Each structure stands twice: as C-alpha cells, then as structure tokens.
Amino acid sequence: MPRAFELFFYANPFSYMTWCYQDALYYGRFEHPTAWLVFPLGSLLALYLGYRIFRKLRPMFGNVL
C-alpha cells in the first residue's frame, strides 16, 4: 500500500475491526496489538454516544413510529 493512503486506513474505524478479526482467524496471534486497544475503546465510545443520543431523542420516537 502506498504511504499516501496509510492515513486513511488509520482514520477508518472499520480497519481496526478487520485487523482484530484477521489476527484471531487468520494469523492466530497478535499481529496488530494497537488495533486490539483501539477497537474495544471505539466500540464503547460508539455505544456511549448512541445511548446518549437515544436518551435525548427518546420522547420523539413515538411520533416517528
């Protein structure tokens, strides 16, 4: 991969998920240890933000349905 595109891989949150699955299913060892830290933290952050948004918009969900 060209160095110019490397930034896009690190900015994409799905890259970390893919690297974790590659490590677990293909390599059988930790090839990308940073991905194993970033992926769970990013998942928890997405869960927290989604929960906060849901709680804020909860009164309006009945009108949409």
PDB file of N, CA and C in Angstrom:
ATOM      1  N   MET A   1       0.853  -1.168   0.000  1.00  0.00           N
ATOM      2  CA  MET A   1       0.000   0.000   0.000  1.00  0.00           C
ATOM      3  C   MET A   1       0.900   1.231   0.000  1.00  0.00           C
ATOM      4  N   PRO A   2       0.562   2.220  -0.798  1.00  0.00           N
ATOM      5  CA  PRO A   2       1.357   3.455  -0.806  1.00  0.00           C
ATOM      6  C   PRO A   2       1.235   4.210   0.517  1.00  0.00           C
ATOM      7  N   ARG A   3       2.286   4.863   0.908  1.00  0.00           N
ATOM      8  CA  ARG A   3       2.307   5.621   2.164  1.00  0.00           C
ATOM      9  C   ARG A   3       1.254   6.721   2.179  1.00  0.00           C
ATOM     10  N   ALA A   4       0.881   7.241   1.017  1.00  0.00           N
ATOM     11  CA  ALA A   4      -0.104   8.328   0.952  1.00  0.00           C
ATOM     12  C   ALA A   4      -1.475   7.878   1.452  1.00  0.00           C
ATOM     13  N   PHE A   5      -1.801   6.590   1.329  1.00  0.00           N
ATOM     14  CA  PHE A   5      -3.103   6.085   1.741  1.00  0.00           C
ATOM     15  C   PHE A   5      -3.113   5.545   3.168  1.00  0.00           C
ATOM     16  N   GLU A   6      -1.968   5.496   3.795  1.00  0.00           N
ATOM     17  CA  GLU A   6      -1.875   4.936   5.141  1.00  0.00           C
ATOM     18  C   GLU A   6      -2.744   5.693   6.144  1.00  0.00           C
ATOM     19  N   LEU A   7      -2.816   6.993   6.008  1.00  0.00           N
ATOM     20  CA  LEU A   7      -3.626   7.803   6.912  1.00  0.00           C
ATOM     21  C   LEU A   7      -5.101   7.405   6.842  1.00  0.00           C
ATOM     22  N   PHE A   8      -5.587   7.070   5.662  1.00  0.00           N
ATOM     23  CA  PHE A   8      -6.981   6.682   5.508  1.00  0.00           C
ATOM     24  C   PHE A   8      -7.287   5.376   6.234  1.00  0.00           C
ATOM     25  N   PHE A   9      -6.346   4.461   6.250  1.00  0.00           N
ATOM     26  CA  PHE A   9      -6.550   3.198   6.956  1.00  0.00           C
ATOM     27  C   PHE A   9      -6.610   3.409   8.469  1.00  0.00           C
ATOM     28  N   TYR A  10      -5.783   4.306   8.974  1.00  0.00           N
ATOM     29  CA  TYR A  10      -5.782   4.561  10.409  1.00  0.00           C
ATOM     30  C   TYR A  10      -6.979   5.411  10.837  1.00  0.00           C
ATOM     31  N   ALA A  11      -7.529   6.197   9.938  1.00  0.00           N
ATOM     32  CA  ALA A  11      -8.690   7.028  10.261  1.00  0.00           C
ATOM     33  C   ALA A  11      -9.994   6.241  10.158  1.00  0.00           C
ATOM     34  N   ASN A  12      -9.994   5.136   9.458  1.00  0.00           N
ATOM     35  CA  ASN A  12     -11.196   4.330   9.274  1.00  0.00           C
ATOM     36  C   ASN A  12     -11.389   3.398  10.480  1.00  0.00           C
ATOM     37  N   PRO A  13     -12.503   3.529  11.210  1.00  0.00           N
ATOM     38  CA  PRO A  13     -12.697   2.673  12.388  1.00  0.00           C
ATOM     39  C   PRO A  13     -12.891   1.200  12.034  1.00  0.00           C
ATOM     40  N   PHE A  14     -13.343   0.901  10.832  1.00  0.00           N
ATOM     41  CA  PHE A  14     -13.540  -0.495  10.445  1.00  0.00           C
ATOM     42  C   PHE A  14     -12.222  -1.207  10.164  1.00  0.00           C
ATOM     43  N   SER A  15     -11.165  -0.458   9.938  1.00  0.00           N
ATOM     44  CA  SER A  15      -9.855  -1.077   9.745  1.00  0.00           C
ATOM     45  C   SER A  15      -9.426  -1.804  11.010  1.00  0.00           C
ATOM     46  N   TYR A  16      -9.660  -1.207  12.148  1.00  0.00           N
ATOM     47  CA  TYR A  16      -9.257  -1.833  13.406  1.00  0.00           C
ATOM     48  C   TYR A  16     -10.042  -3.112  13.659  1.00  0.00           C
ATOM     49  N   MET A  17     -11.321  -3.095  13.322  1.00  0.00           N
ATOM     50  CA  MET A  17     -12.133  -4.299  13.472  1.00  0.00           C
ATOM     51  C   MET A  17     -11.610  -5.395  12.551  1.00  0.00           C
ATOM     52  N   THR A  18     -11.288  -5.034  11.320  1.00  0.00           N
ATOM     53  CA  THR A  18     -10.783  -6.006  10.361  1.00  0.00           C
ATOM     54  C   THR A  18      -9.454  -6.588  10.824  1.00  0.00           C
ATOM     55  N   TRP A  19      -8.571  -5.740  11.335  1.00  0.00           N
ATOM     56  CA  TRP A  19      -7.281  -6.229  11.808  1.00  0.00           C
ATOM     57  C   TRP A  19      -7.447  -7.172  12.993  1.00  0.00           C
ATOM     58  N   CYS A  20      -8.389  -6.918  13.876  1.00  0.00           N
ATOM     59  CA  CYS A  20      -8.623  -7.819  15.013  1.00  0.00           C
ATOM     60  C   CYS A  20      -9.134  -9.177  14.535  1.00  0.00           C
ATOM     61  N   TYR A  21     -10.061  -9.172  13.573  1.00  0.00           N
ATOM     62  CA  TYR A  21     -10.557 -10.434  13.037  1.00  0.00           C
ATOM     63  C   TYR A  21      -9.461 -11.186  12.279  1.00  0.00           C
ATOM     64  N   GLN A  22      -8.621 -10.464  11.557  1.00  0.00           N
ATOM     65  CA  GLN A  22      -7.502 -11.118  10.874  1.00  0.00           C
ATOM     66  C   GLN A  22      -6.577 -11.782  11.882  1.00  0.00           C
ATOM     67  N   ASP A  23      -6.265 -11.076  12.953  1.00  0.00           N
ATOM     68  CA  ASP A  23      -5.383 -11.643  13.973  1.00  0.00           C
ATOM     69  C   ASP A  23      -5.981 -12.906  14.573  1.00  0.00           C
ATOM     70  N   ALA A  24      -7.264 -12.869  14.875  1.00  0.00           N
ATOM     71  CA  ALA A  24      -7.898 -14.002  15.548  1.00  0.00           C
ATOM     72  C   ALA A  24      -8.123 -15.190  14.609  1.00  0.00           C
ATOM     73  N   LEU A  25      -8.551 -14.928  13.381  1.00  0.00           N
ATOM     74  CA  LEU A  25      -8.943 -16.023  12.493  1.00  0.00           C
ATOM     75  C   LEU A  25      -7.852 -16.468  11.515  1.00  0.00           C
ATOM     76  N   TYR A  26      -7.030 -15.542  11.077  1.00  0.00           N
ATOM     77  CA  TYR A  26      -6.044 -15.889  10.059  1.00  0.00           C
ATOM     78  C   TYR A  26      -4.651 -16.125  10.643  1.00  0.00           C
ATOM     79  N   TYR A  27      -4.162 -15.168  11.409  1.00  0.00           N
ATOM     80  CA  TYR A  27      -2.801 -15.281  11.933  1.00  0.00           C
ATOM     81  C   TYR A  27      -2.721 -16.163  13.169  1.00  0.00           C
ATOM     82  N   GLY A  28      -3.723 -16.094  14.029  1.00  0.00           N
ATOM     83  CA  GLY A  28      -3.689 -16.876  15.252  1.00  0.00           C
ATOM     84  C   GLY A  28      -2.800 -16.276  16.328  1.00  0.00           C
ATOM     85  N   ARG A  29      -2.422 -15.029  16.143  1.00  0.00           N
ATOM     86  CA  ARG A  29      -1.587 -14.326  17.124  1.00  0.00           C
ATOM     87  C   ARG A  29      -1.839 -12.825  16.980  1.00  0.00           C
ATOM     88  N   PHE A  30      -1.270 -12.048  17.880  1.00  0.00           N
ATOM     89  CA  PHE A  30      -1.452 -10.598  17.869  1.00  0.00           C
ATOM     90  C   PHE A  30      -0.477  -9.950  16.889  1.00  0.00           C
ATOM     91  N   GLU A  31      -0.927  -9.709  15.677  1.00  0.00           N
ATOM     92  CA  GLU A  31      -0.111  -9.012  14.679  1.00  0.00           C
ATOM     93  C   GLU A  31      -0.297  -7.501  14.780  1.00  0.00           C
ATOM     94  N   HIS A  32      -1.469  -7.066  15.227  1.00  0.00           N
ATOM     95  CA  HIS A  32      -1.800  -5.643  15.328  1.00  0.00           C
ATOM     96  C   HIS A  32      -2.252  -5.337  16.754  1.00  0.00           C
ATOM     97  N   PRO A  33      -1.330  -5.245  17.706  1.00  0.00           N
ATOM     98  CA  PRO A  33      -1.730  -5.039  19.099  1.00  0.00           C
ATOM     99  C   PRO A  33      -2.441  -3.706  19.330  1.00  0.00           C
ATOM    100  N   THR A  34      -2.120  -2.689  18.559  1.00  0.00           N
ATOM    101  CA  THR A  34      -2.792  -1.398  18.724  1.00  0.00           C
ATOM    102  C   THR A  34      -4.267  -1.518  18.375  1.00  0.00           C
ATOM    103  N   ALA A  35      -4.572  -2.312  17.366  1.00  0.00           N
ATOM    104  CA  ALA A  35      -5.967  -2.496  16.965  1.00  0.00           C
ATOM    105  C   ALA A  35      -6.782  -3.140  18.091  1.00  0.00           C
ATOM    106  N   TRP A  36      -6.157  -4.003  18.872  1.00  0.00           N
ATOM    107  CA  TRP A  36      -6.858  -4.650  19.975  1.00  0.00           C
ATOM    108  C   TRP A  36      -7.172  -3.670  21.105  1.00  0.00           C
ATOM    109  N   LEU A  37      -6.500  -2.544  21.144  1.00  0.00           N
ATOM    110  CA  LEU A  37      -6.807  -1.496  22.118  1.00  0.00           C
ATOM    111  C   LEU A  37      -7.805  -0.486  21.559  1.00  0.00           C
ATOM    112  N   VAL A  38      -7.613  -0.108  20.309  1.00  0.00           N
ATOM    113  CA  VAL A  38      -8.450   0.929  19.705  1.00  0.00           C
ATOM    114  C   VAL A  38      -9.858   0.414  19.429  1.00  0.00           C
ATOM    115  N   PHE A  39      -9.995  -0.802  18.929  1.00  0.00           N
ATOM    116  CA  PHE A  39     -11.310  -1.333  18.560  1.00  0.00           C
ATOM    117  C   PHE A  39     -12.277  -1.419  19.743  1.00  0.00           C
ATOM    118  N   PRO A  40     -11.903  -2.008  20.882  1.00  0.00           N
ATOM    119  CA  PRO A  40     -12.855  -2.039  22.001  1.00  0.00           C
ATOM    120  C   PRO A  40     -13.164  -0.644  22.558  1.00  0.00           C
ATOM    121  N   LEU A  41     -12.161   0.217  22.615  1.00  0.00           N
ATOM    122  CA  LEU A  41     -12.418   1.572  23.116  1.00  0.00           C
ATOM    123  C   LEU A  41     -13.337   2.344  22.175  1.00  0.00           C
ATOM    124  N   GLY A  42     -13.128   2.196  20.883  1.00  0.00           N
ATOM    125  CA  GLY A  42     -14.007   2.841  19.907  1.00  0.00           C
ATOM    126  C   GLY A  42     -15.422   2.286  19.964  1.00  0.00           C
ATOM    127  N   SER A  43     -15.546   0.984  20.203  1.00  0.00           N
ATOM    128  CA  SER A  43     -16.870   0.370  20.323  1.00  0.00           C
ATOM    129  C   SER A  43     -17.605   0.894  21.553  1.00  0.00           C
ATOM    130  N   LEU A  44     -16.905   1.004  22.654  1.00  0.00           N
ATOM    131  CA  LEU A  44     -17.531   1.532  23.870  1.00  0.00           C
ATOM    132  C   LEU A  44     -17.907   2.998  23.705  1.00  0.00           C
ATOM    133  N   LEU A  45     -17.085   3.758  23.016  1.00  0.00           N
ATOM    134  CA  LEU A  45     -17.398   5.157  22.746  1.00  0.00           C
ATOM    135  C   LEU A  45     -18.647   5.270  21.864  1.00  0.00           C
ATOM    136  N   ALA A  46     -18.753   4.422  20.845  1.00  0.00           N
ATOM    137  CA  ALA A  46     -19.934   4.431  19.976  1.00  0.00           C
ATOM    138  C   ALA A  46     -21.183   4.031  20.760  1.00  0.00           C
ATOM    139  N   LEU A  47     -21.062   3.061  21.650  1.00  0.00           N
ATOM    140  CA  LEU A  47     -22.188   2.652  22.490  1.00  0.00           C
ATOM    141  C   LEU A  47     -22.626   3.791  23.391  1.00  0.00           C
ATOM    142  N   TYR A  48     -21.678   4.459  24.012  1.00  0.00           N
ATOM    143  CA  TYR A  48     -21.990   5.565  24.911  1.00  0.00           C
ATOM    144  C   TYR A  48     -22.663   6.715  24.164  1.00  0.00           C
ATOM    145  N   LEU A  49     -22.099   7.093  23.025  1.00  0.00           N
ATOM    146  CA  LEU A  49     -22.700   8.192  22.257  1.00  0.00           C
ATOM    147  C   LEU A  49     -24.082   7.825  21.730  1.00  0.00           C
ATOM    148  N   GLY A  50     -24.251   6.598  21.264  1.00  0.00           N
ATOM    149  CA  GLY A  50     -25.563   6.151  20.798  1.00  0.00           C
ATOM    150  C   GLY A  50     -26.598   6.163  21.916  1.00  0.00           C
ATOM    151  N   TYR A  51     -26.184   5.738  23.097  1.00  0.00           N
ATOM    152  CA  TYR A  51     -27.094   5.748  24.238  1.00  0.00           C
ATOM    153  C   TYR A  51     -27.491   7.167  24.618  1.00  0.00           C
ATOM    154  N   ARG A  52     -26.522   8.074  24.630  1.00  0.00           N
ATOM    155  CA  ARG A  52     -26.809   9.481  24.958  1.00  0.00           C
ATOM    156  C   ARG A  52     -27.765  10.101  23.945  1.00  0.00           C
ATOM    157  N   ILE A  53     -27.541   9.839  22.676  1.00  0.00           N
ATOM    158  CA  ILE A  53     -28.413  10.373  21.637  1.00  0.00           C
ATOM    159  C   ILE A  53     -29.804   9.778  21.762  1.00  0.00           C
ATOM    160  N   PHE A  54     -29.893   8.481  22.016  1.00  0.00           N
ATOM    161  CA  PHE A  54     -31.195   7.835  22.179  1.00  0.00           C
ATOM    162  C   PHE A  54     -31.956   8.424  23.360  1.00  0.00           C
ATOM    163  N   ARG A  55     -31.276   8.601  24.487  1.00  0.00           N
ATOM    164  CA  ARG A  55     -31.939   9.168  25.668  1.00  0.00           C
ATOM    165  C   ARG A  55     -32.447  10.577  25.400  1.00  0.00           C
ATOM    166  N   LYS A  56     -31.690  11.357  24.624  1.00  0.00           N
ATOM    167  CA  LYS A  56     -32.098  12.725  24.328  1.00  0.00           C
ATOM    168  C   LYS A  56     -33.298  12.760  23.374  1.00  0.00           C
ATOM    169  N   LEU A  57     -33.335  11.854  22.418  1.00  0.00           N
ATOM    170  CA  LEU A  57     -34.377  11.827  21.400  1.00  0.00           C
ATOM    171  C   LEU A  57     -35.532  10.881  21.730  1.00  0.00           C
ATOM    172  N   ARG A  58     -35.481  10.236  22.857  1.00  0.00           N
ATOM    173  CA  ARG A  58     -36.470   9.240  23.249  1.00  0.00           C
ATOM    174  C   ARG A  58     -37.911   9.745  23.211  1.00  0.00           C
ATOM    175  N   PRO A  59     -38.225  10.940  23.671  1.00  0.00           N
ATOM    176  CA  PRO A  59     -39.615  11.379  23.627  1.00  0.00           C
ATOM    177  C   PRO A  59     -40.189  11.515  22.209  1.00  0.00           C
ATOM    178  N   MET A  60     -39.342  11.664  21.228  1.00  0.00           N
ATOM    179  CA  MET A  60     -39.813  11.863  19.848  1.00  0.00           C
ATOM    180  C   MET A  60     -39.953  10.558  19.071  1.00  0.00           C
ATOM    181  N   PHE A  61     -39.482   9.425  19.594  1.00  0.00           N
ATOM    182  CA  PHE A  61     -39.544   8.181  18.836  1.00  0.00           C
ATOM    183  C   PHE A  61     -40.965   7.716  18.577  1.00  0.00           C
ATOM    184  N   GLY A  62     -41.880   7.968  19.490  1.00  0.00           N
ATOM    185  CA  GLY A  62     -43.277   7.578  19.284  1.00  0.00           C
ATOM    186  C   GLY A  62     -43.910   8.295  18.109  1.00  0.00           C
ATOM    187  N   ASN A  63     -43.559   9.515  17.883  1.00  0.00           N
ATOM    188  CA  ASN A  63     -44.093  10.262  16.755  1.00  0.00           C
ATOM    189  C   ASN A  63     -43.571   9.747  15.415  1.00  0.00           C
ATOM    190  N   VAL A  64     -42.350   9.270  15.420  1.00  0.00           N
ATOM    191  CA  VAL A  64     -41.759   8.768  14.175  1.00  0.00           C
ATOM    192  C   VAL A  64     -42.342   7.416  13.810  1.00  0.00           C
ATOM    193  N   LEU A  65     -42.586   6.585  14.791  1.00  0.00           N
ATOM    194  CA  LEU A  65     -43.121   5.250  14.515  1.00  0.00           C
ATOM    195  C   LEU A  65     -44.576   5.350  14.164  1.00  0.00           C
TER     196      LEU A  65
END
